[in-house]
């Protein structure tokens, strides 16, 4: 059995990872659970899965399921010798960086659901993974699809085409910044996701970030990565090889299958949790090119990818601050791309950054974004 630790267990993507683990009780042993402040839900999960290790914020816990359990740090859990694979579903880059480094240095197989960490320090983390023989496995749909398309293909890649299912909500002047708009921006027709991830999906920032990570994780130059709109959401990504052939991954528009593959890799398992794709029922697949003027967050992400260095670090930090300000009612949705573009434009890029350079760039971008979101 594969011994798993799930970090960020009470978040949207963490709970979906636990659904995969429930579906295969003969394949997985859950040995560690980590959450930050949702201790009531964490206690329920501890009672259900009975893990050896638990990590949580240092508040007292009175629930019986948590009694007589010694809490450990997430870093200790991720690097523990009794853990074979780590699922990292923590929210935000600052929380995810130390634990990701700990898992890498311990040579773990890491299902990476926190893509903000890879945006913040991707090249450094990939270099460390090679050094310590760790595996960073993508969880998000398009990245997983690219990973799968590259399997067994020695030939050069001509293009990587990522698909985006949905664009931004049109801001209405009477509703900008209200709870109605915030709820609309979090909605998604197919996927369950957290509050920030819902906004990033709506603005196509998440797709732009995945375009950056294609280069980071797979070494494909940024100018060979394209984005197209695909409202049906069943073609996750396509790769065009130099002979003109296209290879694609189709799947139902759900995170479950990609989560399952990251945890089961290198095997594929049958699951009753994922419906099989009926193309005849779908009937038609449509694609179109996005107008970048109408998708300013996507445009900023693609620009940051081409700039390289610490530009993705600044982009990610600015996005985290701006989206949280929007969700908190401090700014309207239309202000989010303005803040991100402004921070990116003002950032002095370090081309080959050290970890200190990355931390400084992240801190500068956050402070600059906060300055622009103060009401």
Protein backbone atom coordinates (compact mmCIF):
# COMPACT_ATOMS: atom_id res chain seq x y z
CA UNK A 1 0.00 0.00 0.00
CA UNK A 2 1.12 3.55 -0.72
CA UNK A 3 1.43 5.57 2.47
CA UNK A 4 0.05 9.09 1.93
CA UNK A 5 0.17 12.38 3.81
CA UNK A 6 -2.41 14.99 2.76
CA UNK A 7 -1.51 18.61 3.53
CA UNK A 8 -4.27 21.18 3.25
CA UNK A 9 -6.74 18.37 3.96
CA UNK A 10 -9.73 20.59 4.81
CA UNK A 11 -9.52 22.73 1.68
CA UNK A 12 -11.46 22.08 -1.52
CA UNK A 13 -8.70 20.23 -3.36
CA UNK A 14 -7.58 18.41 -0.21
CA UNK A 15 -11.09 17.05 0.35
CA UNK A 16 -11.17 15.86 -3.26
CA UNK A 17 -7.86 14.06 -2.72
CA UNK A 18 -9.40 12.33 0.28
CA UNK A 19 -12.29 11.20 -1.95
CA UNK A 20 -9.73 9.43 -4.14
CA UNK A 21 -8.14 7.81 -1.10
CA UNK A 22 -11.57 6.64 0.14
CA UNK A 23 -12.26 5.06 -3.25
CA UNK A 24 -9.15 2.85 -2.99
CA UNK A 25 -8.91 1.55 0.59
CA UNK A 26 -6.78 -1.38 -0.59
CA UNK A 27 -4.29 0.91 -2.36
CA UNK A 28 -3.69 3.79 0.08
CA UNK A 29 -2.91 4.11 3.75
CA UNK A 30 -3.45 7.66 5.02
CA UNK A 31 -0.70 8.22 7.58
CA UNK A 32 -0.78 12.03 7.89
CA UNK A 33 -3.34 14.83 7.83
CA UNK A 34 -2.56 18.53 8.01
CA UNK A 35 -4.80 21.58 8.13
CA UNK A 36 -4.44 25.13 9.35
CA UNK A 37 -7.43 26.44 11.28
CA UNK A 38 -10.48 24.33 10.34
CA UNK A 39 -9.92 22.09 13.33
CA UNK A 40 -13.53 20.90 13.59
CA UNK A 41 -13.38 19.34 10.12
CA UNK A 42 -9.84 18.09 10.71
CA UNK A 43 -11.06 16.31 13.84
CA UNK A 44 -13.78 14.55 11.82
CA UNK A 45 -11.21 13.44 9.25
CA UNK A 46 -8.85 12.19 11.96
CA UNK A 47 -11.68 10.13 13.44
CA UNK A 48 -12.46 8.65 10.02
CA UNK A 49 -8.94 7.91 8.76
CA UNK A 50 -7.06 7.44 12.06
CA UNK A 51 -3.70 8.78 10.78
CA UNK A 52 -0.51 8.36 12.78
CA UNK A 53 0.47 12.02 12.30
CA UNK A 54 -1.59 15.21 12.55
CA UNK A 55 -0.53 18.80 11.94
CA UNK A 56 -2.58 21.90 12.70
CA UNK A 57 -2.35 25.47 13.95
CA UNK A 58 -1.31 25.68 17.60
CA UNK A 59 -4.79 26.25 19.03
CA UNK A 60 -6.05 23.81 21.68
CA UNK A 61 -8.30 21.04 20.39
CA UNK A 62 -10.88 19.40 22.65
CA UNK A 63 -12.36 16.88 20.20
CA UNK A 64 -12.03 13.24 21.36
CA UNK A 65 -10.56 12.13 18.02
CA UNK A 66 -7.60 14.46 18.56
CA UNK A 67 -6.90 13.38 22.13
CA UNK A 68 -3.54 11.77 22.83
CA UNK A 69 -2.25 12.68 19.40
CA UNK A 70 1.03 14.52 19.21
CA UNK A 71 0.87 17.23 16.57
CA UNK A 72 3.88 17.49 14.26
CA UNK A 73 4.94 20.24 11.89
CA UNK A 74 3.98 19.95 8.23
CA UNK A 75 7.69 19.87 7.34
CA UNK A 76 8.28 16.90 9.64
CA UNK A 77 5.23 15.13 8.25
CA UNK A 78 6.22 15.70 4.62
CA UNK A 79 9.75 14.38 5.19
CA UNK A 80 8.86 11.50 7.54
CA UNK A 81 10.34 8.12 6.53
CA UNK A 82 6.94 6.42 6.92
CA UNK A 83 5.46 8.64 4.19
CA UNK A 84 5.80 7.44 0.58
CA UNK A 85 3.90 10.25 -1.14
CA UNK A 86 2.82 13.74 -0.15
CA UNK A 87 -0.23 15.57 -1.45
CA UNK A 88 0.31 19.32 -1.09
CA UNK A 89 -2.98 21.19 -1.24
CA UNK A 90 -2.07 24.07 1.05
CA UNK A 91 -3.26 27.53 0.02
CA UNK A 92 -0.75 30.20 -1.00
CA UNK A 93 2.93 30.18 -1.80
CA UNK A 94 4.26 31.32 1.59
CA UNK A 95 2.65 28.40 3.43
CA UNK A 96 3.59 25.89 0.76
CA UNK A 97 7.25 26.68 0.08
CA UNK A 98 8.89 25.32 3.28
CA UNK A 99 6.92 22.07 3.26
CA UNK A 100 7.54 21.53 -0.46
CA UNK A 101 11.28 21.97 0.07
CA UNK A 102 11.17 19.54 3.00
CA UNK A 103 9.40 16.88 0.91
CA UNK A 104 11.81 17.39 -1.99
CA UNK A 105 14.90 17.07 0.20
CA UNK A 106 13.45 13.82 1.58
CA UNK A 107 13.11 12.48 -1.97
CA UNK A 108 9.32 12.06 -1.84
CA UNK A 109 6.79 11.62 -4.60
CA UNK A 110 4.83 14.88 -4.43
CA UNK A 111 1.36 15.44 -5.90
CA UNK A 112 1.55 19.20 -6.35
CA UNK A 113 -1.84 20.90 -6.07
CA UNK A 114 -0.38 24.19 -4.80
CA UNK A 115 0.81 25.70 -8.06
CA UNK A 116 1.48 29.06 -6.37
CA UNK A 117 4.62 27.51 -4.86
CA UNK A 118 5.89 26.53 -8.31
CA UNK A 119 5.15 30.01 -9.62
CA UNK A 120 7.06 31.56 -6.74
CA UNK A 121 10.14 29.33 -6.94
CA UNK A 122 9.61 26.83 -9.74
CA UNK A 123 13.08 26.60 -11.33
CA UNK A 124 14.72 26.36 -7.90
CA UNK A 125 12.31 23.60 -6.81
CA UNK A 126 12.74 21.61 -10.02
CA UNK A 127 16.54 21.80 -9.65
CA UNK A 128 16.24 20.59 -6.04
CA UNK A 129 13.93 17.76 -7.12
CA UNK A 130 16.49 16.52 -9.64
CA UNK A 131 19.24 16.70 -7.02
CA UNK A 132 17.30 14.76 -4.38
CA UNK A 133 15.53 12.35 -6.80
CA UNK A 134 12.10 13.62 -5.80
CA UNK A 135 9.11 13.60 -8.16
CA UNK A 136 6.91 16.68 -8.60
CA UNK A 137 3.68 15.41 -10.17
CA UNK A 138 1.09 17.87 -11.51
CA UNK A 139 -2.48 17.71 -10.26
CA UNK A 140 -4.22 20.51 -12.18
CA UNK A 141 -6.00 19.47 -15.37
CA UNK A 142 -4.00 21.09 -18.16
CA UNK A 143 -0.61 20.39 -16.54
CA UNK A 144 -1.55 16.77 -15.92
CA UNK A 145 -2.71 16.47 -19.52
CA UNK A 146 0.58 17.85 -20.84
CA UNK A 147 2.48 15.45 -18.58
CA UNK A 148 0.45 12.52 -19.92
CA UNK A 149 0.85 13.61 -23.55
CA UNK A 150 4.63 13.71 -23.17
CA UNK A 151 4.83 10.10 -21.96
CA UNK A 152 6.78 7.93 -24.39
CA UNK A 153 7.39 10.76 -26.87
CA UNK A 154 11.07 11.31 -27.63
CA UNK A 155 10.38 13.65 -30.55
CA UNK A 156 10.61 17.44 -30.31
CA UNK A 157 7.49 19.40 -29.40
CA UNK A 158 6.28 22.14 -31.75
CA UNK A 159 3.42 23.55 -29.65
CA UNK A 160 1.64 23.01 -26.36
CA UNK A 161 -2.00 24.11 -26.43
CA UNK A 162 -3.78 24.63 -23.11
CA UNK A 163 -7.54 24.93 -22.92
CA UNK A 164 -9.58 27.27 -20.75
CA UNK A 165 -13.22 26.50 -20.05
CA UNK A 166 -14.50 29.80 -18.83
CA UNK A 167 -13.79 33.52 -18.93
CA UNK A 168 -14.44 36.39 -16.54
CA UNK A 169 -17.74 37.66 -15.28
CA UNK A 170 -18.47 41.01 -16.89
CA UNK A 171 -18.34 43.55 -14.06
CA UNK A 172 -21.50 45.62 -13.73
CA UNK A 173 -21.03 49.03 -12.20
CA UNK A 174 -23.81 48.52 -9.66
CA UNK A 175 -22.36 45.23 -8.42
CA UNK A 176 -18.57 45.59 -8.60
CA UNK A 177 -17.12 44.50 -5.30
CA UNK A 178 -20.42 43.26 -3.85
CA UNK A 179 -21.17 39.83 -2.47
CA UNK A 180 -23.19 39.04 -5.59
CA UNK A 181 -20.18 39.57 -7.83
CA UNK A 182 -17.88 37.67 -5.52
CA UNK A 183 -20.22 34.68 -5.57
CA UNK A 184 -20.45 34.78 -9.36
CA UNK A 185 -16.70 34.92 -9.74
CA UNK A 186 -16.27 31.85 -7.57
CA UNK A 187 -18.77 29.74 -9.49
CA UNK A 188 -17.59 27.18 -12.04
CA UNK A 189 -19.75 24.88 -14.18
CA UNK A 190 -17.72 21.71 -13.62
CA UNK A 191 -15.17 21.92 -10.84
CA UNK A 192 -15.26 22.39 -7.09
CA UNK A 193 -12.59 24.81 -5.98
CA UNK A 194 -11.67 27.22 -3.24
CA UNK A 195 -12.57 30.90 -3.17
CA UNK A 196 -9.33 32.23 -4.66
CA UNK A 197 -9.05 29.43 -7.22
CA UNK A 198 -12.58 30.22 -8.38
CA UNK A 199 -11.66 33.82 -9.13
CA UNK A 200 -8.44 32.78 -10.90
CA UNK A 201 -10.41 30.36 -13.08
CA UNK A 202 -12.95 33.05 -13.94
CA UNK A 203 -10.30 35.59 -14.99
CA UNK A 204 -8.19 32.93 -16.79
CA UNK A 205 -5.30 33.73 -14.47
CA UNK A 206 -5.10 30.04 -13.56
CA UNK A 207 -4.67 29.09 -17.23
CA UNK A 208 -1.98 31.73 -17.67
CA UNK A 209 -0.20 30.41 -14.60
CA UNK A 210 -0.33 26.89 -16.00
CA UNK A 211 1.22 28.20 -19.22
CA UNK A 212 4.17 29.40 -17.15
CA UNK A 213 4.40 26.08 -15.34
CA UNK A 214 4.54 24.11 -18.60
CA UNK A 215 7.92 25.74 -19.14
CA UNK A 216 8.96 25.32 -15.51
CA UNK A 217 8.02 21.65 -15.15
CA UNK A 218 8.65 20.30 -18.65
CA UNK A 219 11.31 22.61 -20.10
CA UNK A 220 9.20 23.73 -23.07
CA UNK A 221 9.98 27.33 -24.13
CA UNK A 222 7.27 29.84 -23.29
CA UNK A 223 6.83 30.96 -26.91
CA UNK A 224 5.71 27.41 -27.77
CA UNK A 225 2.82 27.48 -25.29
CA UNK A 226 -0.60 28.73 -26.44
CA UNK A 227 -4.03 29.11 -24.82
CA UNK A 228 -7.40 28.52 -26.49
CA UNK A 229 -10.96 28.76 -25.17
CA UNK A 230 -12.88 25.48 -24.98
CA UNK A 231 -16.28 25.83 -23.27
CA UNK A 232 -17.07 22.09 -23.14
CA UNK A 233 -14.02 21.53 -20.91
CA UNK A 234 -13.30 17.92 -21.97
CA UNK A 235 -10.09 18.45 -23.95
CA UNK A 236 -7.59 19.30 -21.25
CA UNK A 237 -4.52 20.03 -23.38
CA UNK A 238 -3.00 19.21 -26.76
CA UNK A 239 0.60 18.81 -27.91
CA UNK A 240 1.64 19.26 -31.53
CA UNK A 241 4.82 17.44 -32.48
CA UNK A 242 7.18 18.51 -35.24
CA UNK A 243 5.69 16.01 -37.70
CA UNK A 244 2.35 17.82 -37.46
CA UNK A 245 0.53 15.21 -35.36
CA UNK A 246 -1.55 16.31 -32.36
CA UNK A 247 -1.84 14.35 -29.14
CA UNK A 248 -4.53 15.26 -26.61
CA UNK A 249 -5.98 14.15 -23.29
CA UNK A 250 -9.78 14.04 -23.08
CA UNK A 251 -11.51 13.54 -19.76
CA UNK A 252 -14.74 14.45 -18.00
CA UNK A 253 -14.55 18.05 -16.72
CA UNK A 254 -13.71 17.11 -13.14
CA UNK A 255 -10.56 17.27 -11.02
CA UNK A 256 -11.02 13.72 -9.73
CA UNK A 257 -9.29 11.89 -12.56
CA UNK A 258 -6.18 14.09 -12.52
CA UNK A 259 -5.97 13.87 -8.72
CA UNK A 260 -6.27 10.11 -8.92
CA UNK A 261 -3.53 9.79 -11.55
CA UNK A 262 -1.09 11.92 -9.55
CA UNK A 263 -1.63 9.65 -6.54
CA UNK A 264 -1.69 6.32 -8.43
CA UNK A 265 1.19 7.07 -10.81
CA UNK A 266 2.73 5.17 -12.57
CA UNK A 267 -0.39 2.97 -12.58
CA UNK A 268 -3.93 3.67 -13.82
CA UNK A 269 -6.83 2.31 -11.80
CA UNK A 270 -10.50 1.86 -12.60
CA UNK A 271 -12.73 4.08 -10.48
CA UNK A 272 -16.50 4.20 -10.19
CA UNK A 273 -16.16 7.82 -9.05
CA UNK A 274 -15.36 9.12 -12.56
CA UNK A 275 -17.99 8.88 -15.32
CA UNK A 276 -16.77 7.72 -18.70
CA UNK A 277 -16.77 10.40 -21.37
CA UNK A 278 -19.58 10.10 -23.92
CA UNK A 279 -18.47 12.18 -26.92
CA UNK A 280 -21.66 11.40 -28.84
CA UNK A 281 -23.69 12.90 -26.01
CA UNK A 282 -21.50 16.02 -25.99
CA UNK A 283 -22.01 16.23 -29.73
CA UNK A 284 -19.69 19.10 -30.59
CA UNK A 285 -16.37 20.45 -29.38
CA UNK A 286 -15.64 24.13 -29.96
CA UNK A 287 -12.41 26.12 -29.74
CA UNK A 288 -11.54 29.79 -30.16
CA UNK A 289 -8.64 32.13 -29.55
CA UNK A 290 -8.93 34.44 -26.53
CA UNK A 291 -8.85 38.18 -27.05
CA UNK A 292 -6.10 39.15 -24.62
CA UNK A 293 -7.51 42.66 -24.31
CA UNK A 294 -10.59 41.09 -22.75
CA UNK A 295 -8.54 38.78 -20.52
CA UNK A 296 -5.97 41.07 -18.87
CA UNK A 297 -5.03 38.57 -16.16
CA UNK A 298 -4.18 35.98 -18.80
CA UNK A 299 -2.18 38.61 -20.70
CA UNK A 300 -0.18 39.48 -17.57
CA UNK A 301 0.57 35.83 -16.88
CA UNK A 302 1.81 35.21 -20.42
CA UNK A 303 3.96 38.35 -20.20
CA UNK A 304 5.45 37.20 -16.88
CA UNK A 305 6.25 33.82 -18.39
CA UNK A 306 8.19 35.42 -21.22
CA UNK A 307 10.02 37.74 -18.81
CA UNK A 308 11.14 34.80 -16.65
CA UNK A 309 13.30 35.12 -13.56
CA UNK A 310 11.37 36.60 -10.64
CA UNK A 311 8.52 37.91 -12.82
CA UNK A 312 6.29 34.86 -12.11
CA UNK A 313 7.10 35.34 -8.40
CA UNK A 314 5.84 38.93 -8.53
CA UNK A 315 2.81 37.93 -10.62
CA UNK A 316 1.78 35.25 -8.14
CA UNK A 317 2.24 37.48 -5.09
CA UNK A 318 0.28 40.34 -6.66
CA UNK A 319 -2.52 37.98 -7.67
CA UNK A 320 -2.80 36.52 -4.17
CA UNK A 321 -3.06 39.97 -2.58
CA UNK A 322 -5.42 41.44 -5.20
CA UNK A 323 -7.82 38.48 -5.26
CA UNK A 324 -8.02 38.32 -1.47
CA UNK A 325 -8.70 42.06 -1.41
CA UNK A 326 -11.51 41.52 -3.91
CA UNK A 327 -12.98 38.64 -1.90
CA UNK A 328 -12.80 40.82 1.20
CA UNK A 329 -14.78 43.59 -0.50
CA UNK A 330 -11.88 46.08 -0.56
CA UNK A 331 -11.75 46.36 -4.36
CA UNK A 332 -13.93 45.46 -7.33
CA UNK A 333 -13.22 42.60 -9.72
CA UNK A 334 -12.14 45.04 -12.44
CA UNK A 335 -9.38 46.34 -10.14
CA UNK A 336 -7.71 42.91 -9.80
CA UNK A 337 -6.01 42.85 -13.24
CA UNK A 338 -5.03 46.51 -12.86
CA UNK A 339 -3.13 45.79 -9.64
CA UNK A 340 -1.41 42.73 -11.11
CA UNK A 341 -0.32 44.54 -14.28
CA UNK A 342 0.94 47.54 -12.31
CA UNK A 343 3.03 45.42 -9.94
CA UNK A 344 4.47 43.39 -12.81
CA UNK A 345 5.36 46.56 -14.73
CA UNK A 346 7.15 48.06 -11.70
CA UNK A 347 9.05 44.90 -10.80
CA UNK A 348 12.80 44.76 -11.38
CA UNK A 349 13.32 41.20 -12.61
CA UNK A 350 16.20 39.09 -11.27
CA UNK A 351 17.02 36.71 -14.12
CA UNK A 352 18.72 33.89 -12.17
CA UNK A 353 17.36 34.30 -8.66
CA UNK A 354 18.57 32.66 -5.48
CA UNK A 355 16.09 31.66 -2.78
CA UNK A 356 16.79 34.99 -1.04
CA UNK A 357 16.05 36.85 -4.29
CA UNK A 358 12.75 34.98 -4.62
CA UNK A 359 11.70 35.72 -1.05
CA UNK A 360 12.58 39.41 -1.48
CA UNK A 361 10.70 39.65 -4.80
CA UNK A 362 7.65 38.01 -3.23
CA UNK A 363 7.71 40.38 -0.24
CA UNK A 364 8.15 43.47 -2.45
CA UNK A 365 5.29 42.47 -4.77
CA UNK A 366 2.94 41.80 -1.86
CA UNK A 367 3.67 45.15 -0.28
CA UNK A 368 3.24 46.98 -3.58
CA UNK A 369 -0.06 45.17 -4.25
CA UNK A 370 -1.32 45.94 -0.74
CA UNK A 371 -0.50 49.61 -1.24
CA UNK A 372 -2.70 49.63 -4.34
CA UNK A 373 -5.62 47.78 -2.71
CA UNK A 374 -5.98 49.97 0.38
CA UNK A 375 -9.36 51.67 0.27
